[in-house]
PDB file of all heavy atoms in Angstrom:
ATOM      1  N   ALA A   1      -1.782   7.046  -5.841  1.00  0.00           N
ATOM      2  CA  ALA A   1      -3.121   6.942  -5.381  1.00  0.00           C
ATOM      3  C   ALA A   1      -3.939   6.052  -6.391  1.00  0.00           C
ATOM      4  O   ALA A   1      -5.181   5.764  -6.146  1.00  0.00           O
ATOM      5  CB  ALA A   1      -3.728   8.292  -5.320  1.00  0.00           C
ATOM      6  N   VAL A   2      -3.345   5.588  -7.518  1.00  0.00           N
ATOM      7  CA  VAL A   2      -4.052   4.825  -8.486  1.00  0.00           C
ATOM      8  C   VAL A   2      -4.151   3.366  -8.015  1.00  0.00           C
ATOM      9  O   VAL A   2      -3.085   2.781  -7.842  1.00  0.00           O
ATOM     10  CB  VAL A   2      -3.398   4.903  -9.872  1.00  0.00           C
ATOM     11  CG1 VAL A   2      -4.134   4.004 -10.887  1.00  0.00           C
ATOM     12  CG2 VAL A   2      -3.241   6.376 -10.337  1.00  0.00           C
ATOM     13  N   ALA A   3      -5.336   2.773  -7.906  1.00  0.00           N
ATOM     14  CA  ALA A   3      -5.433   1.412  -7.572  1.00  0.00           C
ATOM     15  C   ALA A   3      -4.842   0.517  -8.617  1.00  0.00           C
ATOM     16  O   ALA A   3      -5.072   0.752  -9.781  1.00  0.00           O
ATOM     17  CB  ALA A   3      -6.982   1.137  -7.323  1.00  0.00           C
ATOM     18  N   GLY A   4      -4.253  -0.585  -8.201  1.00  0.00           N
ATOM     19  CA  GLY A   4      -3.621  -1.417  -9.092  1.00  0.00           C
ATOM     20  C   GLY A   4      -2.206  -1.104  -9.501  1.00  0.00           C
ATOM     21  O   GLY A   4      -1.818  -1.636 -10.580  1.00  0.00           O
ATOM     22  N   THR A   5      -1.596  -0.158  -8.879  1.00  0.00           N
ATOM     23  CA  THR A   5      -0.234   0.298  -9.330  1.00  0.00           C
ATOM     24  C   THR A   5       0.697  -0.925  -9.269  1.00  0.00           C
ATOM     25  O   THR A   5       1.474  -1.111 -10.172  1.00  0.00           O
ATOM     26  CB  THR A   5       0.279   1.404  -8.408  1.00  0.00           C
ATOM     27  OG1 THR A   5      -0.543   2.512  -8.554  1.00  0.00           O
ATOM     28  CG2 THR A   5       1.673   1.753  -8.860  1.00  0.00           C
ATOM     29  N   THR A   6       0.782  -1.685  -8.190  1.00  0.00           N
ATOM     30  CA  THR A   6       1.570  -2.840  -8.117  1.00  0.00           C
ATOM     31  C   THR A   6       0.901  -4.117  -8.808  1.00  0.00           C
ATOM     32  O   THR A   6      -0.126  -4.542  -8.454  1.00  0.00           O
ATOM     33  CB  THR A   6       1.747  -3.335  -6.625  1.00  0.00           C
ATOM     34  OG1 THR A   6       2.338  -2.273  -5.973  1.00  0.00           O
ATOM     35  CG2 THR A   6       2.700  -4.473  -6.552  1.00  0.00           C
ATOM     36  N   ARG A   7       1.561  -4.461  -9.969  1.00  0.00           N
ATOM     37  CA  ARG A   7       1.030  -5.524 -10.729  1.00  0.00           C
ATOM     38  C   ARG A   7       1.889  -6.789 -10.619  1.00  0.00           C
ATOM     39  O   ARG A   7       1.509  -7.918 -11.307  1.00  0.00           O
ATOM     40  CB  ARG A   7       1.045  -5.039 -12.267  1.00  0.00           C
ATOM     41  CG  ARG A   7       0.008  -3.952 -12.455  1.00  0.00           C
ATOM     42  CD  ARG A   7      -0.217  -3.602 -13.843  1.00  0.00           C
ATOM     43  NE  ARG A   7      -1.221  -2.618 -14.061  1.00  0.00           N
ATOM     44  CZ  ARG A   7      -1.911  -2.496 -15.114  1.00  0.00           C
ATOM     45  NH1 ARG A   7      -1.690  -3.229 -16.128  1.00  0.00           N
ATOM     46  NH2 ARG A   7      -2.840  -1.464 -15.204  1.00  0.00           N
ATOM     47  N   ASP A   8       3.102  -6.737 -10.094  1.00  0.00           N
ATOM     48  CA  ASP A   8       3.919  -7.904  -9.977  1.00  0.00           C
ATOM     49  C   ASP A   8       4.439  -7.928  -8.491  1.00  0.00           C
ATOM     50  O   ASP A   8       4.372  -7.037  -7.783  1.00  0.00           O
ATOM     51  CB  ASP A   8       5.111  -7.849 -10.914  1.00  0.00           C
ATOM     52  CG  ASP A   8       5.688  -9.150 -11.270  1.00  0.00           C
ATOM     53  OD1 ASP A   8       5.279 -10.194 -10.613  1.00  0.00           O
ATOM     54  OD2 ASP A   8       6.579  -9.333 -12.164  1.00  0.00           O
ATOM     55  N   VAL A   9       5.057  -9.124  -8.304  1.00  0.00           N
ATOM     56  CA  VAL A   9       5.604  -9.315  -6.846  1.00  0.00           C
ATOM     57  C   VAL A   9       6.844  -8.482  -6.743  1.00  0.00           C
ATOM     58  O   VAL A   9       7.761  -8.432  -7.640  1.00  0.00           O
ATOM     59  CB  VAL A   9       6.046 -10.843  -6.715  1.00  0.00           C
ATOM     60  CG1 VAL A   9       6.805 -10.998  -5.446  1.00  0.00           C
ATOM     61  CG2 VAL A   9       4.747 -11.665  -6.612  1.00  0.00           C
ATOM     62  N   VAL A  10       6.949  -7.684  -5.568  1.00  0.00           N
ATOM     63  CA  VAL A  10       8.127  -6.923  -5.254  1.00  0.00           C
ATOM     64  C   VAL A  10       8.680  -7.489  -3.948  1.00  0.00           C
ATOM     65  O   VAL A  10       7.884  -7.632  -2.946  1.00  0.00           O
ATOM     66  CB  VAL A  10       7.792  -5.413  -5.094  1.00  0.00           C
ATOM     67  CG1 VAL A  10       9.018  -4.602  -4.778  1.00  0.00           C
ATOM     68  CG2 VAL A  10       7.133  -4.906  -6.454  1.00  0.00           C
ATOM     69  N   ARG A  11      10.002  -7.685  -3.776  1.00  0.00           N
ATOM     70  CA  ARG A  11      10.602  -8.267  -2.667  1.00  0.00           C
ATOM     71  C   ARG A  11      11.396  -7.257  -1.912  1.00  0.00           C
ATOM     72  O   ARG A  11      12.137  -6.573  -2.577  1.00  0.00           O
ATOM     73  CB  ARG A  11      11.378  -9.496  -2.969  1.00  0.00           C
ATOM     74  CG  ARG A  11      10.531 -10.608  -3.697  1.00  0.00           C
ATOM     75  CD  ARG A  11      11.340 -11.719  -4.219  1.00  0.00           C
ATOM     76  NE  ARG A  11      10.590 -12.593  -5.177  1.00  0.00           N
ATOM     77  CZ  ARG A  11       9.820 -13.584  -4.770  1.00  0.00           C
ATOM     78  NH1 ARG A  11       9.757 -13.872  -3.405  1.00  0.00           N
ATOM     79  NH2 ARG A  11       9.105 -14.313  -5.514  1.00  0.00           N
ATOM     80  N   GLY A  12      11.476  -7.483  -0.717  1.00  0.00           N
ATOM     81  CA  GLY A  12      12.403  -6.655   0.152  1.00  0.00           C
ATOM     82  C   GLY A  12      12.928  -7.462   1.318  1.00  0.00           C
ATOM     83  O   GLY A  12      12.188  -8.295   1.816  1.00  0.00           O
ATOM     84  N   SER A  13      14.158  -7.289   1.825  1.00  0.00           N
ATOM     85  CA  SER A  13      14.713  -8.041   2.902  1.00  0.00           C
ATOM     86  C   SER A  13      15.210  -7.089   3.955  1.00  0.00           C
ATOM     87  O   SER A  13      15.796  -6.043   3.658  1.00  0.00           O
ATOM     88  CB  SER A  13      15.735  -8.920   2.388  1.00  0.00           C
ATOM     89  OG  SER A  13      15.343  -9.922   1.545  1.00  0.00           O
ATOM     90  N   LEU A  14      14.970  -7.425   5.237  1.00  0.00           N
ATOM     91  CA  LEU A  14      15.515  -6.663   6.288  1.00  0.00           C
ATOM     92  C   LEU A  14      15.756  -7.733   7.433  1.00  0.00           C
ATOM     93  O   LEU A  14      15.494  -8.856   7.268  1.00  0.00           O
ATOM     94  CB  LEU A  14      14.539  -5.617   6.789  1.00  0.00           C
ATOM     95  CG  LEU A  14      13.098  -6.046   7.144  1.00  0.00           C
ATOM     96  CD1 LEU A  14      12.577  -5.122   8.220  1.00  0.00           C
ATOM     97  CD2 LEU A  14      12.180  -5.965   5.867  1.00  0.00           C
ATOM     98  N   GLN A  15      16.146  -7.223   8.656  1.00  0.00           N
ATOM     99  CA  GLN A  15      16.232  -8.046   9.786  1.00  0.00           C
ATOM    100  C   GLN A  15      15.625  -7.435  11.059  1.00  0.00           C
ATOM    101  O   GLN A  15      15.642  -6.213  11.198  1.00  0.00           O
ATOM    102  CB  GLN A  15      17.684  -8.450  10.016  1.00  0.00           C
ATOM    103  CG  GLN A  15      18.558  -7.210  10.266  1.00  0.00           C
ATOM    104  CD  GLN A  15      19.953  -7.741  10.674  1.00  0.00           C
ATOM    105  OE1 GLN A  15      20.234  -8.230  11.687  1.00  0.00           O
ATOM    106  NE2 GLN A  15      21.016  -7.426   9.838  1.00  0.00           N
ATOM    107  N   ILE A  16      15.122  -8.264  11.878  1.00  0.00           N
ATOM    108  CA  ILE A  16      14.587  -7.809  13.210  1.00  0.00           C
ATOM    109  C   ILE A  16      15.193  -8.664  14.217  1.00  0.00           C
ATOM    110  O   ILE A  16      15.027  -9.864  14.318  1.00  0.00           O
ATOM    111  CB  ILE A  16      13.093  -8.005  13.226  1.00  0.00           C
ATOM    112  CG1 ILE A  16      12.274  -7.095  12.167  1.00  0.00           C
ATOM    113  CG2 ILE A  16      12.485  -7.481  14.603  1.00  0.00           C
ATOM    114  CD1 ILE A  16      10.791  -7.343  12.093  1.00  0.00           C
ATOM    115  N   GLU A  17      15.992  -8.042  15.027  1.00  0.00           N
ATOM    116  CA  GLU A  17      16.721  -8.725  16.133  1.00  0.00           C
ATOM    117  C   GLU A  17      17.502  -9.988  15.584  1.00  0.00           C
ATOM    118  O   GLU A  17      17.575 -11.011  16.233  1.00  0.00           O
ATOM    119  CB  GLU A  17      15.805  -9.222  17.162  1.00  0.00           C
ATOM    120  CG  GLU A  17      15.183  -8.030  17.972  1.00  0.00           C
ATOM    121  CD  GLU A  17      14.432  -8.484  19.273  1.00  0.00           C
ATOM    122  OE1 GLU A  17      14.629  -9.600  19.672  1.00  0.00           O
ATOM    123  OE2 GLU A  17      13.662  -7.689  19.722  1.00  0.00           O
ATOM    124  N   GLY A  18      18.091  -9.805  14.452  1.00  0.00           N
ATOM    125  CA  GLY A  18      18.898 -10.790  13.850  1.00  0.00           C
ATOM    126  C   GLY A  18      18.170 -11.854  12.910  1.00  0.00           C
ATOM    127  O   GLY A  18      18.796 -12.706  12.297  1.00  0.00           O
ATOM    128  N   ILE A  19      16.814 -11.783  12.941  1.00  0.00           N
ATOM    129  CA  ILE A  19      16.022 -12.650  12.106  1.00  0.00           C
ATOM    130  C   ILE A  19      15.886 -12.144  10.763  1.00  0.00           C
ATOM    131  O   ILE A  19      15.322 -10.970  10.602  1.00  0.00           O
ATOM    132  CB  ILE A  19      14.626 -12.912  12.676  1.00  0.00           C
ATOM    133  CG1 ILE A  19      14.740 -13.549  14.076  1.00  0.00           C
ATOM    134  CG2 ILE A  19      13.832 -13.827  11.775  1.00  0.00           C
ATOM    135  CD1 ILE A  19      15.364 -14.901  14.051  1.00  0.00           C
ATOM    136  N   PRO A  20      16.332 -12.774   9.666  1.00  0.00           N
ATOM    137  CA  PRO A  20      16.056 -12.174   8.328  1.00  0.00           C
ATOM    138  C   PRO A  20      14.518 -12.240   7.978  1.00  0.00           C
ATOM    139  O   PRO A  20      13.893 -13.268   8.284  1.00  0.00           O
ATOM    140  CB  PRO A  20      16.863 -13.189   7.376  1.00  0.00           C
ATOM    141  CG  PRO A  20      17.880 -13.948   8.301  1.00  0.00           C
ATOM    142  CD  PRO A  20      17.111 -13.977   9.598  1.00  0.00           C
ATOM    143  N   LEU A  21      14.079 -11.132   7.506  1.00  0.00           N
ATOM    144  CA  LEU A  21      12.699 -11.049   7.165  1.00  0.00           C
ATOM    145  C   LEU A  21      12.539 -10.739   5.597  1.00  0.00           C
ATOM    146  O   LEU A  21      13.093  -9.712   5.171  1.00  0.00           O
ATOM    147  CB  LEU A  21      11.988  -9.933   7.986  1.00  0.00           C
ATOM    148  CG  LEU A  21      10.571  -9.869   8.042  1.00  0.00           C
ATOM    149  CD1 LEU A  21      10.126 -11.112   8.952  1.00  0.00           C
ATOM    150  CD2 LEU A  21      10.087  -8.515   8.777  1.00  0.00           C
ATOM    151  N   HIS A  22      11.931 -11.632   4.996  1.00  0.00           N
ATOM    152  CA  HIS A  22      11.744 -11.530   3.532  1.00  0.00           C
ATOM    153  C   HIS A  22      10.284 -11.137   3.261  1.00  0.00           C
ATOM    154  O   HIS A  22       9.368 -11.949   3.374  1.00  0.00           O
ATOM    155  CB  HIS A  22      12.109 -12.847   2.763  1.00  0.00           C
ATOM    156  CG  HIS A  22      13.427 -13.507   3.332  1.00  0.00           C
ATOM    157  ND1 HIS A  22      14.574 -12.906   3.092  1.00  0.00           N
ATOM    158  CD2 HIS A  22      13.579 -14.591   3.887  1.00  0.00           C
ATOM    159  CE1 HIS A  22      15.556 -13.639   3.595  1.00  0.00           C
ATOM    160  NE2 HIS A  22      14.933 -14.679   4.155  1.00  0.00           N
ATOM    161  N   ILE A  23      10.137  -9.839   2.927  1.00  0.00           N
ATOM    162  CA  ILE A  23       8.820  -9.284   2.728  1.00  0.00           C
ATOM    163  C   ILE A  23       8.434  -9.154   1.267  1.00  0.00           C
ATOM    164  O   ILE A  23       9.137  -8.798   0.477  1.00  0.00           O
ATOM    165  CB  ILE A  23       8.623  -7.901   3.351  1.00  0.00           C
ATOM    166  CG1 ILE A  23       9.024  -8.010   4.898  1.00  0.00           C
ATOM    167  CG2 ILE A  23       7.166  -7.418   3.265  1.00  0.00           C
ATOM    168  CD1 ILE A  23       9.029  -6.727   5.550  1.00  0.00           C
ATOM    169  N   ILE A  24       7.256  -9.590   0.907  1.00  0.00           N
ATOM    170  CA  ILE A  24       6.828  -9.717  -0.511  1.00  0.00           C
ATOM    171  C   ILE A  24       5.579  -8.816  -0.639  1.00  0.00           C
ATOM    172  O   ILE A  24       4.546  -9.151   0.028  1.00  0.00           O
ATOM    173  CB  ILE A  24       6.499 -11.157  -0.876  1.00  0.00           C
ATOM    174  CG1 ILE A  24       7.776 -12.148  -0.750  1.00  0.00           C
ATOM    175  CG2 ILE A  24       6.102 -11.198  -2.376  1.00  0.00           C
ATOM    176  CD1 ILE A  24       7.488 -13.445  -0.276  1.00  0.00           C
ATOM    177  N   ASP A  25       5.690  -7.791  -1.370  1.00  0.00           N
ATOM    178  CA  ASP A  25       4.556  -6.972  -1.752  1.00  0.00           C
ATOM    179  C   ASP A  25       3.891  -7.619  -3.048  1.00  0.00           C
ATOM    180  O   ASP A  25       4.610  -7.965  -3.896  1.00  0.00           O
ATOM    181  CB  ASP A  25       5.027  -5.473  -2.095  1.00  0.00           C
ATOM    182  CG  ASP A  25       3.930  -4.623  -2.367  1.00  0.00           C
ATOM    183  OD1 ASP A  25       2.790  -4.922  -2.045  1.00  0.00           O
ATOM    184  OD2 ASP A  25       4.121  -3.561  -2.968  1.00  0.00           O
ATOM    185  N   THR A  26       2.577  -7.611  -3.036  1.00  0.00           N
ATOM    186  CA  THR A  26       1.859  -8.397  -4.070  1.00  0.00           C
ATOM    187  C   THR A  26       0.811  -7.379  -4.709  1.00  0.00           C
ATOM    188  O   THR A  26       0.434  -6.374  -4.164  1.00  0.00           O
ATOM    189  CB  THR A  26       1.110  -9.622  -3.548  1.00  0.00           C
ATOM    190  OG1 THR A  26       0.240  -9.212  -2.569  1.00  0.00           O
ATOM    191  CG2 THR A  26       2.149 -10.582  -2.985  1.00  0.00           C
ATOM    192  N   ALA A  27       0.367  -7.928  -5.897  1.00  0.00           N
ATOM    193  CA  ALA A  27      -0.728  -7.212  -6.512  1.00  0.00           C
ATOM    194  C   ALA A  27      -2.056  -7.172  -5.671  1.00  0.00           C
ATOM    195  O   ALA A  27      -2.284  -8.184  -4.975  1.00  0.00           O
ATOM    196  CB  ALA A  27      -1.014  -7.816  -7.962  1.00  0.00           C
ATOM    197  N   GLY A  28      -2.760  -6.189  -5.700  1.00  0.00           N
ATOM    198  CA  GLY A  28      -4.044  -6.102  -5.109  1.00  0.00           C
ATOM    199  C   GLY A  28      -5.026  -7.212  -5.425  1.00  0.00           C
ATOM    200  O   GLY A  28      -5.089  -7.419  -6.737  1.00  0.00           O
ATOM    201  N   LEU A  29      -5.677  -7.874  -4.644  1.00  0.00           N
ATOM    202  CA  LEU A  29      -6.644  -8.927  -4.862  1.00  0.00           C
ATOM    203  C   LEU A  29      -7.960  -8.292  -5.196  1.00  0.00           C
ATOM    204  O   LEU A  29      -8.685  -7.911  -4.337  1.00  0.00           O
ATOM    205  CB  LEU A  29      -6.645  -9.920  -3.786  1.00  0.00           C
ATOM    206  CG  LEU A  29      -5.287 -10.679  -3.433  1.00  0.00           C
ATOM    207  CD1 LEU A  29      -5.403 -11.541  -2.219  1.00  0.00           C
ATOM    208  CD2 LEU A  29      -4.761 -11.338  -4.691  1.00  0.00           C
ATOM    209  N   ARG A  30      -8.316  -8.475  -6.495  1.00  0.00           N
ATOM    210  CA  ARG A  30      -9.629  -8.031  -6.890  1.00  0.00           C
ATOM    211  C   ARG A  30     -10.058  -8.606  -8.268  1.00  0.00           C
ATOM    212  O   ARG A  30      -9.081  -9.132  -9.011  1.00  0.00           O
ATOM    213  CB  ARG A  30      -9.726  -6.545  -7.012  1.00  0.00           C
ATOM    214  CG  ARG A  30      -8.804  -5.916  -8.128  1.00  0.00           C
ATOM    215  CD  ARG A  30      -8.991  -4.443  -8.347  1.00  0.00           C
ATOM    216  NE  ARG A  30      -8.066  -3.915  -9.375  1.00  0.00           N
ATOM    217  CZ  ARG A  30      -8.115  -2.627  -9.763  1.00  0.00           C
ATOM    218  NH1 ARG A  30      -8.936  -1.836  -9.221  1.00  0.00           N
ATOM    219  NH2 ARG A  30      -7.263  -2.290 -10.708  1.00  0.00           N
ATOM    220  N   ALA A  31     -11.318  -8.629  -8.558  1.00  0.00           N
ATOM    221  CA  ALA A  31     -11.663  -9.070 -10.005  1.00  0.00           C
ATOM    222  C   ALA A  31     -11.231  -7.965 -10.989  1.00  0.00           C
ATOM    223  O   ALA A  31     -11.448  -6.752 -10.775  1.00  0.00           O
ATOM    224  CB  ALA A  31     -13.138  -9.275 -10.049  1.00  0.00           C
ATOM    225  N   THR A  32     -10.700  -8.429 -12.076  1.00  0.00           N
ATOM    226  CA  THR A  32     -10.108  -7.404 -13.020  1.00  0.00           C
ATOM    227  C   THR A  32     -10.159  -7.961 -14.389  1.00  0.00           C
ATOM    228  O   THR A  32     -10.137  -9.265 -14.616  1.00  0.00           O
ATOM    229  CB  THR A  32      -8.659  -6.926 -12.689  1.00  0.00           C
ATOM    230  OG1 THR A  32      -8.188  -6.058 -13.721  1.00  0.00           O
ATOM    231  CG2 THR A  32      -7.790  -8.157 -12.622  1.00  0.00           C
ATOM    232  N   ASP A  33     -10.315  -7.142 -15.435  1.00  0.00           N
ATOM    233  CA  ASP A  33     -10.186  -7.648 -16.796  1.00  0.00           C
ATOM    234  C   ASP A  33      -8.838  -7.291 -17.405  1.00  0.00           C
ATOM    235  O   ASP A  33      -8.509  -7.703 -18.591  1.00  0.00           O
ATOM    236  CB  ASP A  33     -11.198  -6.869 -17.707  1.00  0.00           C
ATOM    237  CG  ASP A  33     -12.706  -7.331 -17.335  1.00  0.00           C
ATOM    238  OD1 ASP A  33     -12.805  -8.480 -16.922  1.00  0.00           O
ATOM    239  OD2 ASP A  33     -13.650  -6.481 -17.378  1.00  0.00           O
ATOM    240  N   ASP A  34      -7.902  -6.653 -16.625  1.00  0.00           N
ATOM    241  CA  ASP A  34      -6.605  -6.330 -17.074  1.00  0.00           C
ATOM    242  C   ASP A  34      -5.727  -7.662 -17.115  1.00  0.00           C
ATOM    243  O   ASP A  34      -5.505  -8.289 -16.017  1.00  0.00           O
ATOM    244  CB  ASP A  34      -6.005  -5.232 -16.206  1.00  0.00           C
ATOM    245  CG  ASP A  34      -4.697  -4.748 -16.753  1.00  0.00           C
ATOM    246  OD1 ASP A  34      -3.753  -5.571 -16.991  1.00  0.00           O
ATOM    247  OD2 ASP A  34      -4.485  -3.485 -16.817  1.00  0.00           O
ATOM    248  N   GLU A  35      -5.249  -8.078 -18.215  1.00  0.00           N
ATOM    249  CA  GLU A  35      -4.533  -9.245 -18.294  1.00  0.00           C
ATOM    250  C   GLU A  35      -3.245  -9.389 -17.513  1.00  0.00           C
ATOM    251  O   GLU A  35      -2.859 -10.297 -16.859  1.00  0.00           O
ATOM    252  CB  GLU A  35      -4.260  -9.595 -19.782  1.00  0.00           C
ATOM    253  CG  GLU A  35      -5.388 -10.023 -20.668  1.00  0.00           C
ATOM    254  CD  GLU A  35      -6.025 -11.288 -20.044  1.00  0.00           C
ATOM    255  OE1 GLU A  35      -5.290 -12.262 -19.638  1.00  0.00           O
ATOM    256  OE2 GLU A  35      -7.273 -11.393 -20.149  1.00  0.00           O
ATOM    257  N   ILE A  36      -2.539  -8.181 -17.448  1.00  0.00           N
ATOM    258  CA  ILE A  36      -1.271  -8.034 -16.727  1.00  0.00           C
ATOM    259  C   ILE A  36      -1.613  -8.110 -15.249  1.00  0.00           C
ATOM    260  O   ILE A  36      -0.875  -8.788 -14.484  1.00  0.00           O
ATOM    261  CB  ILE A  36      -0.549  -6.690 -17.048  1.00  0.00           C
ATOM    262  CG1 ILE A  36      -0.148  -6.730 -18.539  1.00  0.00           C
ATOM    263  CG2 ILE A  36       0.680  -6.591 -16.212  1.00  0.00           C
ATOM    264  CD1 ILE A  36       0.484  -5.388 -19.003  1.00  0.00           C
ATOM    265  N   GLU A  37      -2.632  -7.450 -14.779  1.00  0.00           N
ATOM    266  CA  GLU A  37      -2.997  -7.514 -13.416  1.00  0.00           C
ATOM    267  C   GLU A  37      -3.425  -8.866 -12.990  1.00  0.00           C
ATOM    268  O   GLU A  37      -3.185  -9.346 -11.888  1.00  0.00           O
ATOM    269  CB  GLU A  37      -4.037  -6.443 -13.080  1.00  0.00           C
ATOM    270  CG  GLU A  37      -4.261  -6.218 -11.655  1.00  0.00           C
ATOM    271  CD  GLU A  37      -5.260  -5.071 -11.267  1.00  0.00           C
ATOM    272  OE1 GLU A  37      -5.694  -4.407 -12.399  1.00  0.00           O
ATOM    273  OE2 GLU A  37      -5.519  -4.868 -10.165  1.00  0.00           O
ATOM    274  N   LYS A  38      -4.180  -9.597 -13.916  1.00  0.00           N
ATOM    275  CA  LYS A  38      -4.482 -11.034 -13.587  1.00  0.00           C
ATOM    276  C   LYS A  38      -3.321 -11.931 -13.305  1.00  0.00           C
ATOM    277  O   LYS A  38      -3.299 -12.691 -12.369  1.00  0.00           O
ATOM    278  CB  LYS A  38      -5.319 -11.574 -14.822  1.00  0.00           C
ATOM    279  CG  LYS A  38      -6.791 -11.064 -14.765  1.00  0.00           C
ATOM    280  CD  LYS A  38      -7.447 -11.918 -16.004  1.00  0.00           C
ATOM    281  CE  LYS A  38      -8.885 -11.411 -16.143  1.00  0.00           C
ATOM    282  NZ  LYS A  38      -9.605 -12.087 -17.251  1.00  0.00           N
ATOM    283  N   ILE A  39      -2.284 -11.650 -14.083  1.00  0.00           N
ATOM    284  CA  ILE A  39      -1.071 -12.502 -13.915  1.00  0.00           C
ATOM    285  C   ILE A  39      -0.436 -12.150 -12.602  1.00  0.00           C
ATOM    286  O   ILE A  39       0.022 -13.037 -11.851  1.00  0.00           O
ATOM    287  CB  ILE A  39       0.022 -12.154 -15.045  1.00  0.00           C
ATOM    288  CG1 ILE A  39      -0.541 -12.708 -16.483  1.00  0.00           C
ATOM    289  CG2 ILE A  39       1.316 -12.881 -14.812  1.00  0.00           C
ATOM    290  CD1 ILE A  39       0.203 -12.361 -17.642  1.00  0.00           C
ATOM    291  N   GLY A  40      -0.368 -10.889 -12.224  1.00  0.00           N
ATOM    292  CA  GLY A  40       0.149 -10.436 -10.972  1.00  0.00           C
ATOM    293  C   GLY A  40      -0.682 -11.107  -9.779  1.00  0.00           C
ATOM    294  O   GLY A  40      -0.130 -11.420  -8.784  1.00  0.00           O
ATOM    295  N   ILE A  41      -1.996 -11.221  -9.971  1.00  0.00           N
ATOM    296  CA  ILE A  41      -2.854 -11.721  -8.922  1.00  0.00           C
ATOM    297  C   ILE A  41      -2.606 -13.232  -8.705  1.00  0.00           C
ATOM    298  O   ILE A  41      -2.510 -13.750  -7.681  1.00  0.00           O
ATOM    299  CB  ILE A  41      -4.348 -11.471  -9.152  1.00  0.00           C
ATOM    300  CG1 ILE A  41      -4.587  -9.932  -8.966  1.00  0.00           C
ATOM    301  CG2 ILE A  41      -5.233 -12.323  -8.218  1.00  0.00           C
ATOM    302  CD1 ILE A  41      -5.964  -9.487  -9.471  1.00  0.00           C
ATOM    303  N   GLU A  42      -2.424 -13.954  -9.920  1.00  0.00           N
ATOM    304  CA  GLU A  42      -2.033 -15.371  -9.818  1.00  0.00           C
ATOM    305  C   GLU A  42      -0.740 -15.563  -9.144  1.00  0.00           C
ATOM    306  O   GLU A  42      -0.605 -16.467  -8.360  1.00  0.00           O
ATOM    307  CB  GLU A  42      -1.908 -15.853 -11.251  1.00  0.00           C
ATOM    308  CG  GLU A  42      -3.279 -16.012 -12.006  1.00  0.00           C
ATOM    309  CD  GLU A  42      -3.091 -16.453 -13.430  1.00  0.00           C
ATOM    310  OE1 GLU A  42      -1.904 -16.711 -13.901  1.00  0.00           O
ATOM    311  OE2 GLU A  42      -4.042 -16.430 -14.128  1.00  0.00           O
ATOM    312  N   ARG A  43       0.241 -14.683  -9.271  1.00  0.00           N
ATOM    313  CA  ARG A  43       1.559 -14.768  -8.615  1.00  0.00           C
ATOM    314  C   ARG A  43       1.382 -14.525  -7.179  1.00  0.00           C
ATOM    315  O   ARG A  43       2.141 -15.110  -6.272  1.00  0.00           O
ATOM    316  CB  ARG A  43       2.596 -13.835  -9.203  1.00  0.00           C
ATOM    317  CG  ARG A  43       2.980 -14.266 -10.675  1.00  0.00           C
ATOM    318  CD  ARG A  43       3.944 -13.297 -11.242  1.00  0.00           C
ATOM    319  NE  ARG A  43       4.432 -13.750 -12.611  1.00  0.00           N
ATOM    320  CZ  ARG A  43       5.300 -13.029 -13.410  1.00  0.00           C
ATOM    321  NH1 ARG A  43       5.788 -11.911 -12.890  1.00  0.00           N
ATOM    322  NH2 ARG A  43       5.700 -13.524 -14.575  1.00  0.00           N
ATOM    323  N   THR A  44       0.470 -13.669  -6.800  1.00  0.00           N
ATOM    324  CA  THR A  44       0.238 -13.256  -5.395  1.00  0.00           C
ATOM    325  C   THR A  44      -0.203 -14.595  -4.614  1.00  0.00           C
ATOM    326  O   THR A  44       0.256 -14.919  -3.538  1.00  0.00           O
ATOM    327  CB  THR A  44      -0.866 -12.243  -5.269  1.00  0.00           C
ATOM    328  OG1 THR A  44      -0.476 -11.062  -5.835  1.00  0.00           O
ATOM    329  CG2 THR A  44      -1.292 -12.073  -3.846  1.00  0.00           C
TER     330      THR A  44
END
């Protein structure tokens, strides 16, 4: 329930009707002073 838990890119792969789906979970986009979270947002 803590905002900003995801700070880096997380990847998952699955398939839908034979199509590979590469899903990328990213850091929440917001203004922040947290240096680690800033890096995650840049990667997003």
